[in-house]
N, C-alpha and C. Protein backbone atom coordinates (compact mmCIF):
# COMPACT_ATOMS: atom_id res chain seq x y z
N UNK A 1 -171.21 21.79 75.79
CA UNK A 1 -171.99 22.93 76.21
C UNK A 1 -171.40 24.38 75.84
N UNK A 2 -171.33 24.67 74.59
CA UNK A 2 -170.56 25.70 74.05
C UNK A 2 -171.61 27.16 73.99
N UNK A 3 -172.81 26.84 73.83
CA UNK A 3 -173.71 28.07 73.68
C UNK A 3 -174.50 28.16 74.72
N UNK A 4 -175.11 29.49 75.13
CA UNK A 4 -175.90 29.64 76.13
C UNK A 4 -177.39 28.79 75.90
N UNK A 5 -177.73 28.47 74.67
CA UNK A 5 -179.02 27.70 74.53
C UNK A 5 -178.91 26.45 74.99
N UNK A 6 -177.76 25.75 74.80
CA UNK A 6 -177.47 24.36 75.18
C UNK A 6 -177.49 24.00 76.45
N UNK A 7 -177.41 24.90 77.32
CA UNK A 7 -177.58 24.63 78.90
C UNK A 7 -179.01 24.94 79.40
N UNK A 8 -179.46 23.92 79.81
CA UNK A 8 -180.97 23.76 80.25
C UNK A 8 -181.02 23.47 81.89
N UNK A 9 -182.18 23.89 82.36
CA UNK A 9 -182.23 23.62 83.71
C UNK A 9 -181.95 22.29 84.13
N UNK A 10 -182.79 21.30 83.16
CA UNK A 10 -182.53 19.95 83.44
C UNK A 10 -180.98 19.52 83.25
N UNK A 11 -180.25 19.94 82.42
CA UNK A 11 -178.77 19.54 82.35
C UNK A 11 -178.11 20.12 83.79
N UNK A 12 -178.38 21.25 84.10
CA UNK A 12 -177.88 21.88 85.31
C UNK A 12 -178.12 20.90 86.69
N UNK A 13 -179.42 20.63 86.72
CA UNK A 13 -180.18 19.81 87.72
C UNK A 13 -179.13 18.47 87.92
N UNK A 14 -179.00 17.81 86.51
CA UNK A 14 -178.43 16.52 86.57
C UNK A 14 -176.97 16.65 86.91
N UNK A 15 -176.37 17.66 86.54
CA UNK A 15 -174.92 17.88 86.64
C UNK A 15 -174.77 18.14 88.34
N UNK A 16 -175.62 18.96 88.72
CA UNK A 16 -175.43 19.40 90.21
C UNK A 16 -175.47 17.99 91.06
N UNK A 17 -176.68 17.24 90.68
CA UNK A 17 -176.94 15.85 91.41
C UNK A 17 -175.72 14.99 91.30
N UNK A 18 -174.98 15.15 90.27
CA UNK A 18 -173.95 14.12 90.06
C UNK A 18 -172.65 14.63 90.61
N UNK A 19 -172.42 15.80 90.50
CA UNK A 19 -171.15 16.60 90.78
C UNK A 19 -171.19 17.57 91.96
N UNK A 20 -172.32 17.91 92.36
CA UNK A 20 -172.55 18.85 93.43
C UNK A 20 -172.07 20.15 92.79
N UNK A 21 -171.48 21.17 93.66
CA UNK A 21 -171.14 22.48 93.36
C UNK A 21 -170.43 22.47 91.98
N UNK A 22 -169.55 21.51 91.80
CA UNK A 22 -168.89 21.52 90.42
C UNK A 22 -169.73 21.38 89.15
N UNK A 23 -170.94 20.93 89.45
CA UNK A 23 -171.70 20.71 88.34
C UNK A 23 -172.40 22.17 87.89
N UNK A 24 -172.25 22.95 88.40
CA UNK A 24 -172.70 24.43 87.81
C UNK A 24 -171.63 25.26 87.13
N UNK A 25 -170.49 24.66 87.25
CA UNK A 25 -169.31 25.49 86.63
C UNK A 25 -169.45 25.68 84.94
N UNK A 26 -170.08 24.70 84.28
CA UNK A 26 -170.39 24.91 82.91
C UNK A 26 -171.27 26.24 82.76
N UNK A 27 -172.27 26.33 83.51
CA UNK A 27 -173.21 27.26 83.38
C UNK A 27 -172.55 28.74 83.89
N UNK A 28 -171.61 28.82 84.79
CA UNK A 28 -170.78 29.91 85.21
C UNK A 28 -169.99 30.35 84.18
N UNK A 29 -169.40 29.38 83.36
CA UNK A 29 -168.48 29.85 82.28
C UNK A 29 -169.13 30.50 81.05
N UNK A 30 -170.22 29.97 80.88
CA UNK A 30 -171.13 30.22 79.60
C UNK A 30 -171.63 31.63 79.74
N UNK A 31 -172.15 32.17 80.88
CA UNK A 31 -172.80 33.30 81.26
C UNK A 31 -171.82 34.35 81.74
N UNK A 32 -170.55 34.21 82.11
CA UNK A 32 -169.87 35.01 82.56
C UNK A 32 -169.46 36.26 81.89
N UNK A 33 -169.01 36.10 80.63
CA UNK A 33 -168.77 37.33 79.74
C UNK A 33 -170.01 38.36 79.51
N UNK A 34 -171.22 37.63 79.12
CA UNK A 34 -172.31 38.70 78.84
C UNK A 34 -172.77 39.13 80.17
N UNK A 35 -172.76 38.46 81.33
CA UNK A 35 -172.94 39.21 82.77
C UNK A 35 -172.13 40.42 82.83
N UNK A 36 -170.73 40.33 82.63
CA UNK A 36 -169.97 41.34 82.83
C UNK A 36 -170.20 42.53 81.99
N UNK A 37 -170.60 42.33 80.50
CA UNK A 37 -171.05 43.05 79.55
C UNK A 37 -172.46 43.87 80.23
N UNK A 38 -173.26 43.02 80.65
CA UNK A 38 -174.58 43.28 81.18
C UNK A 38 -174.47 44.32 82.54
N UNK A 39 -173.68 44.23 83.29
CA UNK A 39 -173.53 45.20 84.49
C UNK A 39 -172.50 46.14 84.29
N UNK A 40 -171.69 46.38 83.14
CA UNK A 40 -170.83 47.34 82.83
C UNK A 40 -171.71 48.73 83.08
N UNK A 41 -172.98 48.86 82.72
CA UNK A 41 -173.43 50.08 83.03
C UNK A 41 -173.62 50.60 84.37
N UNK A 42 -173.50 49.61 85.36
CA UNK A 42 -173.52 49.89 86.86
C UNK A 42 -172.13 50.11 87.48
N UNK A 43 -171.00 49.35 86.91
CA UNK A 43 -169.93 49.62 87.43
C UNK A 43 -168.84 49.11 86.45
N UNK A 44 -167.52 49.66 86.64
CA UNK A 44 -166.46 49.45 85.61
C UNK A 44 -165.43 48.56 86.45
N UNK A 45 -165.58 48.51 87.92
CA UNK A 45 -164.73 47.55 88.37
C UNK A 45 -165.04 46.05 88.10
N UNK A 46 -164.15 45.55 87.44
CA UNK A 46 -164.34 44.18 86.97
C UNK A 46 -164.31 43.29 88.16
N UNK A 47 -163.58 43.44 89.18
CA UNK A 47 -163.35 42.44 90.40
C UNK A 47 -164.59 42.47 91.12
N UNK A 48 -165.16 43.71 91.24
CA UNK A 48 -166.54 43.86 92.00
C UNK A 48 -167.72 43.12 91.17
N UNK A 49 -167.64 43.39 89.87
CA UNK A 49 -168.67 42.55 89.08
C UNK A 49 -168.56 41.18 89.28
N UNK A 50 -167.30 40.49 89.10
CA UNK A 50 -167.13 39.04 89.16
C UNK A 50 -167.45 38.63 90.49
N UNK A 51 -167.37 39.32 91.39
CA UNK A 51 -167.52 38.78 92.94
C UNK A 51 -169.12 38.75 93.09
N UNK A 52 -169.49 39.67 92.55
CA UNK A 52 -171.32 39.81 92.56
C UNK A 52 -171.83 38.55 91.71
N UNK A 53 -171.10 38.20 90.59
CA UNK A 53 -171.71 37.23 89.54
C UNK A 53 -171.29 35.77 90.37
N UNK A 54 -169.99 35.64 91.08
CA UNK A 54 -169.66 34.41 91.85
C UNK A 54 -170.88 34.11 92.94
N UNK A 55 -171.20 35.21 93.58
CA UNK A 55 -172.22 35.17 94.72
C UNK A 55 -173.49 34.71 94.10
N UNK A 56 -173.90 35.37 92.76
CA UNK A 56 -175.27 35.00 92.36
C UNK A 56 -175.08 33.54 91.69
N UNK A 57 -173.98 32.91 91.42
CA UNK A 57 -173.98 31.63 90.79
C UNK A 57 -174.13 30.73 92.17
N UNK A 58 -173.46 31.03 93.13
CA UNK A 58 -173.78 30.09 94.39
C UNK A 58 -175.15 30.21 94.91
N UNK A 59 -175.83 31.34 95.00
CA UNK A 59 -177.11 31.47 95.27
C UNK A 59 -178.09 30.58 94.42
N UNK A 60 -177.64 30.82 93.05
CA UNK A 60 -178.53 30.10 91.95
C UNK A 60 -178.52 28.40 92.15
N UNK A 61 -177.19 28.17 92.65
CA UNK A 61 -176.89 26.61 93.06
C UNK A 61 -177.83 26.23 94.19
N UNK A 62 -177.81 26.95 95.18
CA UNK A 62 -178.62 26.89 96.40
C UNK A 62 -180.20 26.64 96.24
N UNK A 63 -180.42 27.56 95.22
CA UNK A 63 -181.94 27.66 94.80
C UNK A 63 -182.23 26.22 94.11
N UNK A 64 -181.26 25.92 93.27
CA UNK A 64 -181.65 24.74 92.49
C UNK A 64 -181.60 23.32 93.32
N UNK A 65 -180.58 23.26 94.31
CA UNK A 65 -180.61 22.34 95.23
C UNK A 65 -181.82 22.16 96.12
N UNK A 66 -182.16 23.38 96.69
CA UNK A 66 -183.50 23.34 97.52
C UNK A 66 -184.91 23.55 96.91
N UNK A 67 -184.64 23.47 95.56
CA UNK A 67 -185.87 23.70 94.62
C UNK A 67 -186.65 24.91 94.89
N UNK A 68 -186.11 25.80 95.14
CA UNK A 68 -186.76 27.43 95.39
C UNK A 68 -186.60 28.05 93.93
N UNK A 69 -185.87 27.57 93.05
CA UNK A 69 -185.95 28.23 91.87
C UNK A 69 -187.08 27.77 90.98
N UNK A 70 -187.80 28.70 90.48
CA UNK A 70 -189.12 28.40 89.81
C UNK A 70 -189.17 28.87 88.36
N UNK A 71 -188.75 27.88 87.51
CA UNK A 71 -188.56 28.11 86.03
C UNK A 71 -189.59 29.06 85.48
N UNK A 72 -190.86 28.78 85.96
CA UNK A 72 -192.02 29.52 85.37
C UNK A 72 -191.92 30.95 85.65
N UNK A 73 -191.26 31.29 86.79
CA UNK A 73 -191.20 32.81 86.82
C UNK A 73 -190.21 33.65 86.01
N UNK A 74 -189.20 32.77 85.85
CA UNK A 74 -188.08 33.42 84.98
C UNK A 74 -187.05 32.49 84.34
N UNK A 75 -186.46 32.80 83.29
CA UNK A 75 -185.53 31.72 82.68
C UNK A 75 -184.31 31.69 83.39
N UNK A 76 -183.55 30.68 83.50
CA UNK A 76 -182.29 30.41 84.31
C UNK A 76 -181.25 31.78 84.06
N UNK A 77 -181.00 32.13 82.92
CA UNK A 77 -180.11 33.31 82.68
C UNK A 77 -180.69 34.56 83.26
N UNK A 78 -182.00 34.86 83.13
CA UNK A 78 -182.56 35.99 83.64
C UNK A 78 -182.37 35.98 85.12
N UNK A 79 -182.82 34.79 85.72
CA UNK A 79 -182.85 34.72 87.37
C UNK A 79 -181.22 35.08 87.69
N UNK A 80 -180.51 34.29 87.06
CA UNK A 80 -178.99 34.44 87.47
C UNK A 80 -178.50 36.00 87.28
N UNK A 81 -179.00 36.49 86.15
CA UNK A 81 -178.39 37.92 85.87
C UNK A 81 -178.96 38.91 87.00
N UNK A 82 -180.33 38.70 87.29
CA UNK A 82 -180.88 39.59 88.27
C UNK A 82 -180.49 39.49 89.68
N UNK A 83 -180.05 38.19 89.91
CA UNK A 83 -179.33 37.94 91.29
C UNK A 83 -178.14 38.64 91.45
N UNK A 84 -177.21 38.49 90.24
CA UNK A 84 -175.99 39.19 90.09
C UNK A 84 -176.10 40.75 90.23
N UNK A 85 -176.97 41.27 89.37
CA UNK A 85 -177.23 42.69 89.36
C UNK A 85 -177.64 43.11 90.66
N UNK A 86 -178.50 42.72 91.51
CA UNK A 86 -178.94 42.99 92.69
C UNK A 86 -177.59 43.10 93.74
N UNK A 87 -176.80 42.00 93.66
CA UNK A 87 -175.56 41.75 94.48
C UNK A 87 -174.74 42.91 94.31
N UNK A 88 -174.48 43.17 93.02
CA UNK A 88 -173.52 44.32 92.64
C UNK A 88 -174.05 45.82 93.19
N UNK A 89 -175.39 45.80 92.94
CA UNK A 89 -176.10 47.33 93.42
C UNK A 89 -175.91 47.26 94.95
N UNK A 90 -176.28 46.11 95.70
CA UNK A 90 -176.01 46.22 97.05
C UNK A 90 -174.68 46.58 97.36
N UNK A 91 -173.47 46.08 96.83
CA UNK A 91 -172.28 46.24 97.03
C UNK A 91 -171.82 47.57 96.74
N UNK A 92 -172.36 48.18 95.72
CA UNK A 92 -172.02 49.44 95.48
C UNK A 92 -172.67 50.68 96.43
N UNK A 93 -173.78 50.23 96.90
CA UNK A 93 -174.54 51.10 97.83
C UNK A 93 -173.87 51.17 99.12
N UNK A 94 -173.42 49.91 99.55
CA UNK A 94 -172.67 49.67 100.86
C UNK A 94 -171.10 50.53 100.76
N UNK A 95 -170.57 50.36 99.48
CA UNK A 95 -169.23 51.07 99.36
C UNK A 95 -169.45 52.48 99.31
N UNK A 96 -170.54 53.00 98.79
CA UNK A 96 -170.67 54.36 98.74
C UNK A 96 -171.22 54.92 100.06
N UNK A 97 -171.91 54.21 100.99
CA UNK A 97 -172.15 54.72 102.24
C UNK A 97 -170.86 54.74 103.03
N UNK A 98 -170.00 53.65 102.85
CA UNK A 98 -168.76 53.26 103.73
C UNK A 98 -167.60 54.58 103.33
N UNK A 99 -167.68 54.93 102.06
CA UNK A 99 -166.74 56.04 101.47
C UNK A 99 -167.29 57.28 102.12
N UNK A 100 -168.61 57.50 102.29
CA UNK A 100 -169.16 58.75 102.61
C UNK A 100 -168.76 59.02 104.24
N UNK A 101 -168.70 57.80 104.75
CA UNK A 101 -168.34 57.99 106.17
C UNK A 101 -166.86 58.20 106.38
N UNK A 102 -166.13 57.52 105.62
CA UNK A 102 -164.57 57.62 105.86
C UNK A 102 -164.12 58.92 105.41
N UNK A 103 -164.61 59.53 104.28
CA UNK A 103 -163.98 60.83 103.90
C UNK A 103 -165.02 61.84 103.25
N UNK A 104 -165.18 62.98 103.81
CA UNK A 104 -166.09 63.84 103.06
C UNK A 104 -165.42 64.51 101.98
N UNK A 105 -164.07 64.39 101.81
CA UNK A 105 -163.21 65.17 100.76
C UNK A 105 -163.46 64.47 99.54
N UNK A 106 -163.90 63.16 99.37
CA UNK A 106 -163.95 62.47 98.30
C UNK A 106 -165.40 62.56 97.67
N UNK A 107 -166.08 63.23 98.37
CA UNK A 107 -167.60 63.27 97.95
C UNK A 107 -167.74 64.17 96.58
N UNK A 108 -168.50 63.61 95.54
CA UNK A 108 -168.41 64.43 94.31
C UNK A 108 -169.11 65.74 94.63
N UNK A 109 -168.72 66.85 93.81
CA UNK A 109 -169.46 68.21 93.94
C UNK A 109 -171.03 68.09 93.80
N UNK A 110 -171.54 67.11 93.37
CA UNK A 110 -172.97 67.06 93.15
C UNK A 110 -173.66 66.54 94.57
N UNK A 111 -172.90 66.10 95.15
CA UNK A 111 -173.39 65.65 96.65
C UNK A 111 -172.94 66.29 97.67
N UNK A 112 -172.13 67.19 97.62
CA UNK A 112 -171.54 68.22 98.63
C UNK A 112 -172.74 69.16 98.89
N UNK A 113 -172.62 69.61 100.33
CA UNK A 113 -173.66 70.77 100.79
C UNK A 113 -173.44 71.92 99.97
N UNK A 114 -174.63 72.52 99.51
CA UNK A 114 -174.47 73.94 98.84
C UNK A 114 -173.86 75.15 99.94
N UNK A 115 -173.20 76.03 99.30
CA UNK A 115 -172.85 77.09 99.96
C UNK A 115 -174.11 77.96 100.54
N UNK A 116 -175.19 78.06 99.74
CA UNK A 116 -176.11 78.69 100.24
C UNK A 116 -177.32 78.26 99.57
N UNK A 117 -178.43 78.73 100.05
CA UNK A 117 -179.86 77.99 99.49
C UNK A 117 -179.91 78.59 98.05
N UNK A 118 -179.56 79.68 97.61
CA UNK A 118 -179.71 80.19 96.35
C UNK A 118 -178.94 79.39 95.16
N UNK A 119 -177.81 78.91 95.78
CA UNK A 119 -176.97 77.99 94.91
C UNK A 119 -177.69 76.69 94.66
N UNK A 120 -178.14 76.23 95.87
CA UNK A 120 -178.99 74.81 95.68
C UNK A 120 -180.31 75.05 94.73
N UNK A 121 -180.93 76.12 94.81
CA UNK A 121 -182.20 76.52 94.12
C UNK A 121 -181.86 76.50 92.64
N UNK A 122 -180.57 77.03 92.31
CA UNK A 122 -180.05 77.28 90.83
C UNK A 122 -179.70 75.94 90.20
N UNK A 123 -178.97 75.02 91.25
CA UNK A 123 -178.62 73.93 90.64
C UNK A 123 -179.84 72.98 90.42
N UNK A 124 -180.82 72.82 91.40
CA UNK A 124 -181.85 72.08 91.02
C UNK A 124 -182.80 72.50 89.93
N UNK A 125 -182.93 73.90 89.62
CA UNK A 125 -183.37 74.28 88.53
C UNK A 125 -182.82 73.86 87.25
N UNK A 126 -181.36 73.90 87.24
CA UNK A 126 -180.63 73.63 85.98
C UNK A 126 -180.82 72.01 85.78
N UNK A 127 -180.95 71.21 86.83
CA UNK A 127 -181.03 69.88 86.70
C UNK A 127 -182.52 69.48 86.15
N UNK A 128 -183.46 70.17 86.80
CA UNK A 128 -184.82 69.78 86.34
C UNK A 128 -185.02 70.51 84.80
N UNK A 129 -184.34 71.27 84.47
CA UNK A 129 -184.60 71.94 83.14
C UNK A 129 -184.03 70.79 82.08
N UNK A 130 -182.81 70.34 82.41
CA UNK A 130 -182.12 69.33 81.66
C UNK A 130 -183.00 68.17 81.49
N UNK A 131 -183.73 67.69 82.57
CA UNK A 131 -184.44 66.34 82.60
C UNK A 131 -185.56 66.65 81.62
N UNK A 132 -186.35 67.81 81.85
CA UNK A 132 -187.45 68.20 80.98
C UNK A 132 -187.16 68.25 79.50
N UNK A 133 -185.96 68.91 79.19
CA UNK A 133 -185.51 68.83 77.76
C UNK A 133 -185.33 67.28 77.14
N UNK A 134 -184.74 66.64 78.03
CA UNK A 134 -184.42 65.16 77.72
C UNK A 134 -185.75 64.50 77.39
N UNK A 135 -186.66 64.59 78.22
CA UNK A 135 -188.07 64.03 78.14
C UNK A 135 -188.63 64.41 77.01
N UNK A 136 -188.65 65.79 76.67
CA UNK A 136 -189.30 66.28 75.59
C UNK A 136 -188.75 65.86 74.16
N UNK A 137 -187.41 65.72 74.19
CA UNK A 137 -186.73 65.50 72.94
C UNK A 137 -186.87 63.81 72.88
N UNK A 138 -187.05 63.06 73.88
CA UNK A 138 -187.20 61.58 73.94
C UNK A 138 -188.57 61.22 73.24
N UNK A 139 -189.49 62.08 73.43
CA UNK A 139 -190.88 61.80 72.82
C UNK A 139 -190.86 61.83 71.35
N UNK A 140 -189.75 62.86 70.88
CA UNK A 140 -189.64 62.76 69.38
C UNK A 140 -188.90 61.83 68.61
N UNK A 141 -188.09 61.08 69.26
CA UNK A 141 -187.59 59.82 68.87
C UNK A 141 -188.68 58.86 68.05
N UNK A 142 -188.32 58.17 67.21
CA UNK A 142 -188.99 57.07 66.71
C UNK A 142 -189.38 55.99 67.53
N UNK A 143 -190.47 55.11 67.27
CA UNK A 143 -190.65 54.15 68.17
C UNK A 143 -189.77 53.12 68.64
N UNK A 144 -188.81 52.66 67.70
CA UNK A 144 -188.03 51.83 67.76
C UNK A 144 -186.89 52.18 68.78
N UNK A 145 -186.53 53.45 68.66
CA UNK A 145 -185.52 54.05 69.39
C UNK A 145 -185.99 54.20 70.79
N UNK A 146 -187.25 54.67 70.90
CA UNK A 146 -187.60 54.80 72.31
C UNK A 146 -187.76 53.52 73.01
N UNK A 147 -188.13 52.45 72.36
CA UNK A 147 -188.28 51.11 73.03
C UNK A 147 -186.83 50.58 73.47
N UNK A 148 -186.03 50.72 72.50
CA UNK A 148 -184.64 50.19 72.80
C UNK A 148 -184.09 50.88 73.83
N UNK A 149 -183.99 52.38 73.94
CA UNK A 149 -183.62 52.95 75.05
C UNK A 149 -184.22 52.52 76.48
N UNK A 150 -185.48 52.42 76.27
CA UNK A 150 -186.29 51.99 77.75
C UNK A 150 -185.72 50.53 78.11
N UNK A 151 -185.76 49.58 77.10
CA UNK A 151 -185.42 48.23 77.40
C UNK A 151 -183.95 48.26 78.07
N UNK A 152 -183.07 49.07 77.56
CA UNK A 152 -181.66 49.08 78.08
C UNK A 152 -181.78 49.63 79.46
N UNK A 153 -182.20 51.00 79.55
CA UNK A 153 -181.90 51.75 80.79
C UNK A 153 -183.12 51.70 81.73
N UNK A 154 -184.24 51.48 81.35
CA UNK A 154 -185.35 51.39 82.47
C UNK A 154 -185.61 49.90 82.84
N UNK A 155 -185.62 49.06 81.81
CA UNK A 155 -185.97 47.71 82.20
C UNK A 155 -184.68 46.82 82.52
N UNK A 156 -183.39 47.54 81.91
CA UNK A 156 -181.94 46.73 82.43
C UNK A 156 -182.26 45.35 81.76
N UNK A 157 -182.52 45.44 80.59
CA UNK A 157 -182.45 44.07 79.86
C UNK A 157 -181.07 44.13 79.29
N UNK A 158 -180.60 42.83 78.99
CA UNK A 158 -179.31 42.60 78.21
C UNK A 158 -179.40 42.82 76.60
N UNK A 159 -178.36 42.87 75.85
CA UNK A 159 -178.66 42.90 74.49
C UNK A 159 -179.14 41.76 73.99
N UNK A 160 -178.94 40.48 74.50
CA UNK A 160 -179.34 39.28 73.99
C UNK A 160 -180.97 39.20 74.12
N UNK A 161 -181.51 39.66 75.20
CA UNK A 161 -182.85 39.75 75.42
C UNK A 161 -183.68 40.82 74.56
N UNK A 162 -182.97 42.01 74.35
CA UNK A 162 -183.25 43.09 73.60
C UNK A 162 -183.46 42.69 71.93
N UNK A 163 -182.30 41.90 71.55
CA UNK A 163 -182.25 41.32 70.22
C UNK A 163 -183.49 40.38 69.91
N UNK A 164 -183.84 39.58 70.83
CA UNK A 164 -184.92 38.77 70.62
C UNK A 164 -186.20 39.37 70.69
N UNK A 165 -186.54 40.40 71.51
CA UNK A 165 -187.83 41.02 71.54
C UNK A 165 -187.90 41.98 70.29
N UNK A 166 -186.86 42.74 69.90
CA UNK A 166 -187.09 43.50 68.88
C UNK A 166 -186.83 42.66 67.48
N UNK A 167 -186.47 41.50 67.48
CA UNK A 167 -186.29 40.86 66.15
C UNK A 167 -184.95 41.12 65.31
N UNK A 168 -183.90 41.58 66.23
CA UNK A 168 -182.67 41.90 65.44
C UNK A 168 -181.83 40.54 65.23
N UNK A 169 -181.03 40.58 64.34
CA UNK A 169 -180.18 39.27 64.06
C UNK A 169 -179.27 39.01 65.03
N UNK A 170 -178.61 39.95 65.70
CA UNK A 170 -177.60 39.72 66.73
C UNK A 170 -177.41 40.93 67.51
N UNK A 171 -176.74 40.86 68.62
CA UNK A 171 -176.30 41.86 69.70
C UNK A 171 -175.68 43.07 68.98
N UNK A 172 -174.73 42.78 68.23
CA UNK A 172 -174.19 43.99 67.39
C UNK A 172 -175.07 45.01 66.83
N UNK A 173 -176.23 44.56 66.22
CA UNK A 173 -177.16 45.30 65.72
C UNK A 173 -178.05 46.10 66.82
N UNK A 174 -177.96 45.40 67.97
CA UNK A 174 -178.62 46.30 68.99
C UNK A 174 -177.67 47.34 69.61
N UNK A 175 -176.35 47.15 69.75
CA UNK A 175 -175.47 48.04 70.39
C UNK A 175 -175.32 49.14 69.15
N UNK A 176 -175.20 49.04 68.07
CA UNK A 176 -175.34 49.97 67.05
C UNK A 176 -176.39 50.88 66.98
N UNK A 177 -177.61 50.23 67.11
CA UNK A 177 -178.93 50.91 67.05
C UNK A 177 -179.03 51.90 68.32
N UNK A 178 -178.51 51.28 69.59
CA UNK A 178 -178.50 51.91 70.89
C UNK A 178 -177.62 53.18 70.71
N UNK A 179 -176.64 53.00 70.18
CA UNK A 179 -175.45 54.17 69.83
C UNK A 179 -176.16 55.29 68.91
N UNK A 180 -176.85 54.81 67.77
CA UNK A 180 -177.40 55.67 66.95
C UNK A 180 -178.45 56.57 67.57
N UNK A 181 -179.44 55.84 68.29
CA UNK A 181 -180.57 56.35 68.92
C UNK A 181 -180.12 57.41 70.08
N UNK A 182 -179.01 57.17 70.77
CA UNK A 182 -178.48 58.04 71.79
C UNK A 182 -177.71 59.22 71.25
N UNK A 183 -177.13 59.16 70.06
CA UNK A 183 -176.76 60.34 69.24
C UNK A 183 -177.72 61.01 68.82
N UNK A 184 -178.65 60.60 68.16
CA UNK A 184 -179.98 61.17 67.81
C UNK A 184 -180.72 62.06 68.88
N UNK A 185 -180.81 61.42 70.05
CA UNK A 185 -181.39 62.04 71.32
C UNK A 185 -180.49 63.31 71.72
N UNK A 186 -179.02 63.04 71.80
CA UNK A 186 -178.28 64.07 71.94
C UNK A 186 -178.24 65.19 71.22
N UNK A 187 -178.48 64.99 69.78
CA UNK A 187 -178.41 66.06 68.82
C UNK A 187 -179.89 66.70 69.00
N UNK A 188 -180.89 66.01 69.22
CA UNK A 188 -182.05 66.85 69.54
C UNK A 188 -182.21 67.87 70.58
N UNK A 189 -181.54 67.42 71.81
CA UNK A 189 -181.31 68.24 72.91
C UNK A 189 -180.40 69.35 72.55
N UNK A 190 -179.21 69.12 71.94
CA UNK A 190 -178.35 70.12 71.71
C UNK A 190 -178.72 71.13 70.82
N UNK A 191 -179.91 70.77 69.87
CA UNK A 191 -180.34 71.70 68.87
C UNK A 191 -181.47 72.49 69.74
N UNK A 192 -182.15 71.85 70.58
CA UNK A 192 -183.19 72.61 71.33
C UNK A 192 -182.34 73.74 72.06
N UNK A 193 -181.24 73.27 72.76
CA UNK A 193 -180.47 74.29 73.85
C UNK A 193 -179.94 75.44 72.98
N UNK A 194 -179.80 75.19 71.65
CA UNK A 194 -179.09 76.21 70.78
C UNK A 194 -180.17 76.90 69.82
N UNK A 195 -181.37 76.70 70.16
CA UNK A 195 -182.46 77.24 69.57
C UNK A 195 -182.78 76.93 68.02
N UNK A 196 -182.20 75.72 67.61
CA UNK A 196 -182.50 75.27 66.43
C UNK A 196 -183.57 74.03 66.44
N UNK A 197 -184.32 74.12 65.55
CA UNK A 197 -185.44 72.97 65.53
C UNK A 197 -185.06 72.16 64.55
N UNK A 198 -184.85 70.86 64.52
CA UNK A 198 -184.49 69.87 63.48
C UNK A 198 -185.88 69.40 62.83
């Protein structure tokens, strides 16, 4: 079982039936690297990401044993990654709440209370203006760039899934295309801010 395509639900079910929890280890090993790449956008804390992945694999194991996992709803990998992502986001939210309670000195400047109402209005206006500019320039991107950025950041799909959907040969093409599209978007926003139309 070297590639992700080789591990099917039937194989996992058979391995779990024969070996119990140990039967899910090959699936764990195959997807671990791509899961860590997938959740890098949410957290750079490898240990936190790994713990979320461990928990997701355990929950997937329980779902297979209790037959609550429905392959018609989602693929095995997609189901596992969504479990892991949700567990990571829950952990990050709990950690954020805890840190805010422990120390107000560590709160970022963006979340600190404003000195006065005028400062808050100015900050809100600046953020709103930037979002408007990005949205306007996003609409000027080509269809492929728009789809690619939406798949990554709105749908939270991983590079493998995007490559299949968009018909790319491999994930490296996805990453290089994403980088090119983001640079293009950044340049469009920069040009608009400096009064230059491209």
